[in-house]
PDB file of all heavy atoms in Angstrom:
ATOM      1  N   SER A   1      55.683  28.134 -70.319  1.00  0.00           N
ATOM      2  CA  SER A   1      56.475  27.248 -71.173  1.00  0.00           C
ATOM      3  C   SER A   1      57.244  26.221 -70.351  1.00  0.00           C
ATOM      4  O   SER A   1      57.488  25.101 -70.800  1.00  0.00           O
ATOM      5  CB  SER A   1      57.442  28.066 -72.015  1.00  0.00           C
ATOM      6  OG  SER A   1      58.371  28.746 -71.183  1.00  0.00           O
ATOM      7  N   LYS A   2      57.641  26.605 -69.119  1.00  0.00           N
ATOM      8  CA  LYS A   2      58.322  25.640 -68.254  1.00  0.00           C
ATOM      9  C   LYS A   2      57.362  24.569 -67.766  1.00  0.00           C
ATOM     10  O   LYS A   2      57.770  23.439 -67.493  1.00  0.00           O
ATOM     11  CB  LYS A   2      58.948  26.357 -67.061  1.00  0.00           C
ATOM     12  CG  LYS A   2      60.092  27.281 -67.421  1.00  0.00           C
ATOM     13  CD  LYS A   2      60.661  27.933 -66.185  1.00  0.00           C
ATOM     14  CE  LYS A   2      61.810  28.870 -66.531  1.00  0.00           C
ATOM     15  NZ  LYS A   2      62.360  29.523 -65.326  1.00  0.00           N
ATOM     16  N   LYS A   3      56.096  24.924 -67.631  1.00  0.00           N
ATOM     17  CA  LYS A   3      55.123  23.968 -67.124  1.00  0.00           C
ATOM     18  C   LYS A   3      54.597  23.033 -68.198  1.00  0.00           C
ATOM     19  O   LYS A   3      53.857  22.101 -67.879  1.00  0.00           O
ATOM     20  CB  LYS A   3      53.938  24.721 -66.503  1.00  0.00           C
ATOM     21  CG  LYS A   3      54.297  25.511 -65.256  1.00  0.00           C
ATOM     22  CD  LYS A   3      54.802  24.592 -64.162  1.00  0.00           C
ATOM     23  CE  LYS A   3      55.133  25.362 -62.905  1.00  0.00           C
ATOM     24  NZ  LYS A   3      55.656  24.478 -61.837  1.00  0.00           N
ATOM     25  N   LYS A   4      54.974  23.259 -69.453  1.00  0.00           N
ATOM     26  CA  LYS A   4      54.510  22.379 -70.513  1.00  0.00           C
ATOM     27  C   LYS A   4      55.169  21.018 -70.379  1.00  0.00           C
ATOM     28  O   LYS A   4      56.354  20.910 -70.109  1.00  0.00           O
ATOM     29  CB  LYS A   4      54.831  22.981 -71.883  1.00  0.00           C
ATOM     30  CG  LYS A   4      53.994  24.207 -72.205  1.00  0.00           C
ATOM     31  CD  LYS A   4      54.343  24.759 -73.572  1.00  0.00           C
ATOM     32  CE  LYS A   4      53.525  25.988 -73.875  1.00  0.00           C
ATOM     33  NZ  LYS A   4      53.874  26.565 -75.201  1.00  0.00           N
ATOM     34  N   LYS A   5      54.417  19.984 -70.616  1.00  0.00           N
ATOM     35  CA  LYS A   5      54.913  18.611 -70.554  1.00  0.00           C
ATOM     36  C   LYS A   5      54.837  17.987 -71.928  1.00  0.00           C
ATOM     37  O   LYS A   5      53.813  18.075 -72.594  1.00  0.00           O
ATOM     38  CB  LYS A   5      54.104  17.768 -69.557  1.00  0.00           C
ATOM     39  CG  LYS A   5      54.303  18.169 -68.110  1.00  0.00           C
ATOM     40  CD  LYS A   5      53.539  17.231 -67.197  1.00  0.00           C
ATOM     41  CE  LYS A   5      53.764  17.582 -65.746  1.00  0.00           C
ATOM     42  NZ  LYS A   5      53.029  16.661 -64.846  1.00  0.00           N
ATOM     43  N   ASN A   6      55.919  17.373 -72.324  1.00  0.00           N
ATOM     44  CA  ASN A   6      55.964  16.675 -73.610  1.00  0.00           C
ATOM     45  C   ASN A   6      55.814  15.164 -73.408  1.00  0.00           C
ATOM     46  O   ASN A   6      56.372  14.368 -74.131  1.00  0.00           O
ATOM     47  CB  ASN A   6      57.292  16.975 -74.318  1.00  0.00           C
ATOM     48  CG  ASN A   6      57.216  16.584 -75.784  1.00  0.00           C
ATOM     49  OD1 ASN A   6      56.137  16.443 -76.329  1.00  0.00           O
ATOM     50  ND2 ASN A   6      58.368  16.392 -76.392  1.00  0.00           N
ATOM     51  N   VAL A   7      55.080  14.795 -72.362  1.00  0.00           N
ATOM     52  CA  VAL A   7      54.892  13.384 -72.021  1.00  0.00           C
ATOM     53  C   VAL A   7      53.397  13.120 -71.883  1.00  0.00           C
ATOM     54  O   VAL A   7      52.672  13.905 -71.277  1.00  0.00           O
ATOM     55  CB  VAL A   7      55.613  13.012 -70.709  1.00  0.00           C
ATOM     56  CG1 VAL A   7      55.353  11.559 -70.339  1.00  0.00           C
ATOM     57  CG2 VAL A   7      57.094  13.266 -70.841  1.00  0.00           C
ATOM     58  N   ILE A   8      52.936  12.033 -72.472  1.00  0.00           N
ATOM     59  CA  ILE A   8      51.538  11.627 -72.359  1.00  0.00           C
ATOM     60  C   ILE A   8      51.393  10.835 -71.067  1.00  0.00           C
ATOM     61  O   ILE A   8      51.868   9.709 -70.972  1.00  0.00           O
ATOM     62  CB  ILE A   8      51.098  10.801 -73.571  1.00  0.00           C
ATOM     63  CG1 ILE A   8      51.285  11.620 -74.857  1.00  0.00           C
ATOM     64  CG2 ILE A   8      49.657  10.365 -73.435  1.00  0.00           C
ATOM     65  CD1 ILE A   8      50.969  10.849 -76.111  1.00  0.00           C
ATOM     66  N   ASP A   9      50.746  11.426 -70.089  1.00  0.00           N
ATOM     67  CA  ASP A   9      50.600  10.794 -68.792  1.00  0.00           C
ATOM     68  C   ASP A   9      49.274  10.039 -68.758  1.00  0.00           C
ATOM     69  O   ASP A   9      48.209  10.648 -68.923  1.00  0.00           O
ATOM     70  CB  ASP A   9      50.638  11.848 -67.693  1.00  0.00           C
ATOM     71  CG  ASP A   9      50.745  11.224 -66.320  1.00  0.00           C
ATOM     72  OD1 ASP A   9      50.841   9.985 -66.247  1.00  0.00           O
ATOM     73  OD2 ASP A   9      50.731  11.967 -65.332  1.00  0.00           O
ATOM     74  N   PRO A  10      49.277   8.722 -68.571  1.00  0.00           N
ATOM     75  CA  PRO A  10      47.999   7.984 -68.525  1.00  0.00           C
ATOM     76  C   PRO A  10      47.089   8.452 -67.396  1.00  0.00           C
ATOM     77  O   PRO A  10      45.872   8.493 -67.560  1.00  0.00           O
ATOM     78  CB  PRO A  10      48.447   6.532 -68.328  1.00  0.00           C
ATOM     79  CG  PRO A  10      49.850   6.485 -68.829  1.00  0.00           C
ATOM     80  CD  PRO A  10      50.427   7.833 -68.511  1.00  0.00           C
ATOM     81  N   ALA A  11      47.663   8.825 -66.254  1.00  0.00           N
ATOM     82  CA  ALA A  11      46.840   9.287 -65.142  1.00  0.00           C
ATOM     83  C   ALA A  11      46.142  10.599 -65.493  1.00  0.00           C
ATOM     84  O   ALA A  11      44.954  10.799 -65.191  1.00  0.00           O
ATOM     85  CB  ALA A  11      47.695   9.460 -63.893  1.00  0.00           C
ATOM     86  N   LEU A  12      46.880  11.511 -66.167  1.00  0.00           N
ATOM     87  CA  LEU A  12      46.287  12.788 -66.570  1.00  0.00           C
ATOM     88  C   LEU A  12      45.181  12.576 -67.596  1.00  0.00           C
ATOM     89  O   LEU A  12      44.125  13.219 -67.542  1.00  0.00           O
ATOM     90  CB  LEU A  12      47.381  13.700 -67.132  1.00  0.00           C
ATOM     91  CG  LEU A  12      46.936  15.101 -67.579  1.00  0.00           C
ATOM     92  CD1 LEU A  12      46.331  15.861 -66.404  1.00  0.00           C
ATOM     93  CD2 LEU A  12      48.106  15.866 -68.166  1.00  0.00           C
ATOM     94  N   LEU A  13      45.402  11.666 -68.541  1.00  0.00           N
ATOM     95  CA  LEU A  13      44.357  11.381 -69.528  1.00  0.00           C
ATOM     96  C   LEU A  13      43.115  10.802 -68.870  1.00  0.00           C
ATOM     97  O   LEU A  13      41.988  11.112 -69.254  1.00  0.00           O
ATOM     98  CB  LEU A  13      44.906  10.410 -70.578  1.00  0.00           C
ATOM     99  CG  LEU A  13      46.030  10.940 -71.473  1.00  0.00           C
ATOM    100  CD1 LEU A  13      46.492   9.847 -72.426  1.00  0.00           C
ATOM    101  CD2 LEU A  13      45.583  12.169 -72.243  1.00  0.00           C
ATOM    102  N   ALA A  14      43.324   9.940 -67.879  1.00  0.00           N
ATOM    103  CA  ALA A  14      42.173   9.351 -67.185  1.00  0.00           C
ATOM    104  C   ALA A  14      41.371  10.411 -66.442  1.00  0.00           C
ATOM    105  O   ALA A  14      40.126  10.394 -66.438  1.00  0.00           O
ATOM    106  CB  ALA A  14      42.654   8.269 -66.219  1.00  0.00           C
ATOM    107  N   VAL A  15      42.092  11.365 -65.798  1.00  0.00           N
ATOM    108  CA  VAL A  15      41.394  12.446 -65.099  1.00  0.00           C
ATOM    109  C   VAL A  15      40.616  13.321 -66.076  1.00  0.00           C
ATOM    110  O   VAL A  15      39.471  13.719 -65.817  1.00  0.00           O
ATOM    111  CB  VAL A  15      42.405  13.267 -64.288  1.00  0.00           C
ATOM    112  CG1 VAL A  15      41.750  14.517 -63.708  1.00  0.00           C
ATOM    113  CG2 VAL A  15      42.994  12.430 -63.172  1.00  0.00           C
ATOM    114  N   ARG A  16      41.227  13.624 -67.231  1.00  0.00           N
ATOM    115  CA  ARG A  16      40.528  14.447 -68.230  1.00  0.00           C
ATOM    116  C   ARG A  16      39.279  13.756 -68.755  1.00  0.00           C
ATOM    117  O   ARG A  16      38.229  14.366 -68.931  1.00  0.00           O
ATOM    118  CB  ARG A  16      41.481  14.755 -69.377  1.00  0.00           C
ATOM    119  CG  ARG A  16      42.575  15.758 -69.016  1.00  0.00           C
ATOM    120  CD  ARG A  16      43.489  16.006 -70.197  1.00  0.00           C
ATOM    121  NE  ARG A  16      44.526  17.004 -69.871  1.00  0.00           N
ATOM    122  CZ  ARG A  16      45.502  17.356 -70.701  1.00  0.00           C
ATOM    123  NH1 ARG A  16      45.586  16.789 -71.913  1.00  0.00           N
ATOM    124  NH2 ARG A  16      46.382  18.255 -70.325  1.00  0.00           N
ATOM    125  N   GLU A  17      39.384  12.443 -69.018  1.00  0.00           N
ATOM    126  CA  GLU A  17      38.213  11.705 -69.476  1.00  0.00           C
ATOM    127  C   GLU A  17      37.115  11.691 -68.416  1.00  0.00           C
ATOM    128  O   GLU A  17      35.920  11.800 -68.743  1.00  0.00           O
ATOM    129  CB  GLU A  17      38.617  10.273 -69.833  1.00  0.00           C
ATOM    130  CG  GLU A  17      39.512  10.179 -71.059  1.00  0.00           C
ATOM    131  CD  GLU A  17      39.940   8.752 -71.351  1.00  0.00           C
ATOM    132  OE1 GLU A  17      39.539   7.866 -70.579  1.00  0.00           O
ATOM    133  OE2 GLU A  17      40.666   8.546 -72.331  1.00  0.00           O
ATOM    134  N   LYS A  18      37.526  11.564 -67.155  1.00  0.00           N
ATOM    135  CA  LYS A  18      36.535  11.587 -66.083  1.00  0.00           C
ATOM    136  C   LYS A  18      35.834  12.936 -65.996  1.00  0.00           C
ATOM    137  O   LYS A  18      34.607  13.010 -65.808  1.00  0.00           O
ATOM    138  CB  LYS A  18      37.228  11.251 -64.760  1.00  0.00           C
ATOM    139  CG  LYS A  18      36.281  11.103 -63.588  1.00  0.00           C
ATOM    140  CD  LYS A  18      37.029  10.679 -62.342  1.00  0.00           C
ATOM    141  CE  LYS A  18      36.061  10.515 -61.168  1.00  0.00           C
ATOM    142  NZ  LYS A  18      36.793  10.100 -59.929  1.00  0.00           N
ATOM    143  N   VAL A  19      36.592  14.027 -66.151  1.00  0.00           N
ATOM    144  CA  VAL A  19      36.001  15.373 -66.106  1.00  0.00           C
ATOM    145  C   VAL A  19      35.063  15.578 -67.283  1.00  0.00           C
ATOM    146  O   VAL A  19      33.960  16.140 -67.146  1.00  0.00           O
ATOM    147  CB  VAL A  19      37.120  16.430 -66.076  1.00  0.00           C
ATOM    148  CG1 VAL A  19      36.546  17.825 -66.239  1.00  0.00           C
ATOM    149  CG2 VAL A  19      37.893  16.335 -64.764  1.00  0.00           C
ATOM    150  N   GLU A  20      35.460  15.130 -68.483  1.00  0.00           N
ATOM    151  CA  GLU A  20      34.603  15.264 -69.649  1.00  0.00           C
ATOM    152  C   GLU A  20      33.309  14.466 -69.478  1.00  0.00           C
ATOM    153  O   GLU A  20      32.220  14.932 -69.860  1.00  0.00           O
ATOM    154  CB  GLU A  20      35.352  14.805 -70.899  1.00  0.00           C
ATOM    155  CG  GLU A  20      36.529  15.692 -71.290  1.00  0.00           C
ATOM    156  CD  GLU A  20      36.091  17.087 -71.712  1.00  0.00           C
ATOM    157  OE1 GLU A  20      34.932  17.237 -72.158  1.00  0.00           O
ATOM    158  OE2 GLU A  20      36.898  18.025 -71.572  1.00  0.00           O
ATOM    159  N   ALA A  21      33.431  13.250 -68.933  1.00  0.00           N
ATOM    160  CA  ALA A  21      32.220  12.450 -68.717  1.00  0.00           C
ATOM    161  C   ALA A  21      31.284  13.118 -67.713  1.00  0.00           C
ATOM    162  O   ALA A  21      30.055  13.105 -67.882  1.00  0.00           O
ATOM    163  CB  ALA A  21      32.617  11.056 -68.225  1.00  0.00           C
ATOM    164  N   GLN A  22      31.858  13.737 -66.676  1.00  0.00           N
ATOM    165  CA  GLN A  22      31.027  14.454 -65.709  1.00  0.00           C
ATOM    166  C   GLN A  22      30.353  15.658 -66.346  1.00  0.00           C
ATOM    167  O   GLN A  22      29.177  15.944 -66.074  1.00  0.00           O
ATOM    168  CB  GLN A  22      31.899  14.878 -64.515  1.00  0.00           C
ATOM    169  CG  GLN A  22      31.125  15.520 -63.369  1.00  0.00           C
ATOM    170  CD  GLN A  22      30.187  14.544 -62.705  1.00  0.00           C
ATOM    171  OE1 GLN A  22      30.439  13.352 -62.717  1.00  0.00           O
ATOM    172  NE2 GLN A  22      29.073  15.038 -62.152  1.00  0.00           N
ATOM    173  N   LYS A  23      31.068  16.368 -67.228  1.00  0.00           N
ATOM    174  CA  LYS A  23      30.472  17.517 -67.913  1.00  0.00           C
ATOM    175  C   LYS A  23      29.324  17.082 -68.811  1.00  0.00           C
ATOM    176  O   LYS A  23      28.269  17.727 -68.867  1.00  0.00           O
ATOM    177  CB  LYS A  23      31.541  18.242 -68.730  1.00  0.00           C
ATOM    178  CG  LYS A  23      32.527  19.038 -67.901  1.00  0.00           C
ATOM    179  CD  LYS A  23      33.517  19.776 -68.799  1.00  0.00           C
ATOM    180  CE  LYS A  23      34.500  20.592 -67.974  1.00  0.00           C
ATOM    181  NZ  LYS A  23      35.486  21.310 -68.844  1.00  0.00           N
ATOM    182  N   ARG A  24      29.534  15.965 -69.528  1.00  0.00           N
ATOM    183  CA  ARG A  24      28.442  15.486 -70.393  1.00  0.00           C
ATOM    184  C   ARG A  24      27.234  15.054 -69.583  1.00  0.00           C
ATOM    185  O   ARG A  24      26.085  15.288 -69.970  1.00  0.00           O
ATOM    186  CB  ARG A  24      28.952  14.327 -71.228  1.00  0.00           C
ATOM    187  CG  ARG A  24      29.953  14.724 -72.307  1.00  0.00           C
ATOM    188  CD  ARG A  24      30.146  13.602 -73.315  1.00  0.00           C
ATOM    189  NE  ARG A  24      30.727  12.430 -72.680  1.00  0.00           N
ATOM    190  CZ  ARG A  24      32.035  12.197 -72.626  1.00  0.00           C
ATOM    191  NH1 ARG A  24      32.883  13.067 -73.143  1.00  0.00           N
ATOM    192  NH2 ARG A  24      32.478  11.112 -72.041  1.00  0.00           N
ATOM    193  N   ALA A  25      27.470  14.427 -68.423  1.00  0.00           N
ATOM    194  CA  ALA A  25      26.350  14.015 -67.575  1.00  0.00           C
ATOM    195  C   ALA A  25      25.598  15.222 -67.033  1.00  0.00           C
ATOM    196  O   ALA A  25      24.352  15.239 -67.009  1.00  0.00           O
ATOM    197  CB  ALA A  25      26.861  13.144 -66.431  1.00  0.00           C
ATOM    198  N   ASP A  26      26.357  16.257 -66.609  1.00  0.00           N
ATOM    199  CA  ASP A  26      25.710  17.467 -66.100  1.00  0.00           C
ATOM    200  C   ASP A  26      24.923  18.177 -67.209  1.00  0.00           C
ATOM    201  O   ASP A  26      23.806  18.682 -66.982  1.00  0.00           O
ATOM    202  CB  ASP A  26      26.749  18.414 -65.504  1.00  0.00           C
ATOM    203  CG  ASP A  26      27.435  17.813 -64.288  1.00  0.00           C
ATOM    204  OD1 ASP A  26      26.869  16.873 -63.691  1.00  0.00           O
ATOM    205  OD2 ASP A  26      28.539  18.303 -63.936  1.00  0.00           O
ATOM    206  N   GLU A  27      25.488  18.208 -68.403  1.00  0.00           N
ATOM    207  CA  GLU A  27      24.781  18.851 -69.522  1.00  0.00           C
ATOM    208  C   GLU A  27      23.505  18.092 -69.876  1.00  0.00           C
ATOM    209  O   GLU A  27      22.455  18.691 -70.148  1.00  0.00           O
ATOM    210  CB  GLU A  27      25.709  18.922 -70.730  1.00  0.00           C
ATOM    211  CG  GLU A  27      25.114  19.663 -71.918  1.00  0.00           C
ATOM    212  CD  GLU A  27      26.061  19.729 -73.087  1.00  0.00           C
ATOM    213  OE1 GLU A  27      27.204  19.253 -72.928  1.00  0.00           O
ATOM    214  OE2 GLU A  27      25.667  20.244 -74.148  1.00  0.00           O
ATOM    215  N   GLN A  28      23.569  16.757 -69.858  1.00  0.00           N
ATOM    216  CA  GLN A  28      22.399  15.958 -70.139  1.00  0.00           C
ATOM    217  C   GLN A  28      21.319  16.176 -69.078  1.00  0.00           C
ATOM    218  O   GLN A  28      20.127  16.274 -69.391  1.00  0.00           O
ATOM    219  CB  GLN A  28      22.784  14.478 -70.204  1.00  0.00           C
ATOM    220  CG  GLN A  28      21.657  13.544 -70.577  1.00  0.00           C
ATOM    221  CD  GLN A  28      21.243  13.683 -72.041  1.00  0.00           C
ATOM    222  OE1 GLN A  28      21.942  14.337 -72.825  1.00  0.00           O
ATOM    223  NE2 GLN A  28      20.114  13.084 -72.382  1.00  0.00           N
ATOM    224  N   ALA A  29      21.743  16.267 -67.806  1.00  0.00           N
ATOM    225  CA  ALA A  29      20.757  16.517 -66.737  1.00  0.00           C
ATOM    226  C   ALA A  29      20.118  17.889 -66.875  1.00  0.00           C
ATOM    227  O   ALA A  29      18.902  18.060 -66.634  1.00  0.00           O
ATOM    228  CB  ALA A  29      21.446  16.385 -65.375  1.00  0.00           C
ATOM    229  N   ALA A  30      20.927  18.884 -67.297  1.00  0.00           N
ATOM    230  CA  ALA A  30      20.368  20.228 -67.491  1.00  0.00           C
ATOM    231  C   ALA A  30      19.360  20.251 -68.632  1.00  0.00           C
ATOM    232  O   ALA A  30      18.308  20.905 -68.551  1.00  0.00           O
ATOM    233  CB  ALA A  30      21.504  21.222 -67.738  1.00  0.00           C
ATOM    234  N   ARG A  31      19.660  19.527 -69.685  1.00  0.00           N
ATOM    235  CA  ARG A  31      18.735  19.472 -70.821  1.00  0.00           C
ATOM    236  C   ARG A  31      17.426  18.778 -70.433  1.00  0.00           C
ATOM    237  O   ARG A  31      16.345  19.157 -70.872  1.00  0.00           O
ATOM    238  CB  ARG A  31      19.391  18.742 -71.979  1.00  0.00           C
ATOM    239  CG  ARG A  31      20.578  19.507 -72.581  1.00  0.00           C
ATOM    240  CD  ARG A  31      21.222  18.719 -73.681  1.00  0.00           C
ATOM    241  NE  ARG A  31      20.290  18.504 -74.798  1.00  0.00           N
ATOM    242  CZ  ARG A  31      20.554  17.754 -75.864  1.00  0.00           C
ATOM    243  NH1 ARG A  31      21.730  17.121 -75.916  1.00  0.00           N
ATOM    244  NH2 ARG A  31      19.662  17.609 -76.810  1.00  0.00           N
ATOM    245  N   VAL A  32      17.511  17.752 -69.612  1.00  0.00           N
ATOM    246  CA  VAL A  32      16.288  17.081 -69.143  1.00  0.00           C
ATOM    247  C   VAL A  32      15.484  17.997 -68.248  1.00  0.00           C
ATOM    248  O   VAL A  32      14.244  18.040 -68.304  1.00  0.00           O
ATOM    249  CB  VAL A  32      16.677  15.779 -68.406  1.00  0.00           C
ATOM    250  CG1 VAL A  32      15.458  15.168 -67.718  1.00  0.00           C
ATOM    251  CG2 VAL A  32      17.285  14.779 -69.366  1.00  0.00           C
ATOM    252  N   ALA A  33      16.213  18.780 -67.401  1.00  0.00           N
ATOM    253  CA  ALA A  33      15.493  19.705 -66.516  1.00  0.00           C
ATOM    254  C   ALA A  33      14.789  20.806 -67.309  1.00  0.00           C
ATOM    255  O   ALA A  33      13.693  21.255 -66.931  1.00  0.00           O
ATOM    256  CB  ALA A  33      16.464  20.313 -65.503  1.00  0.00           C
TER     257      ALA A  33
END
């Protein structure tokens, strides 16, 4: 509960979007394989 943040951090959102895009790319490559 102490580690919870009530602030929308643009840097954190950018990192999350980058991780999601990498996951989708890896999933697409696995499906092609």
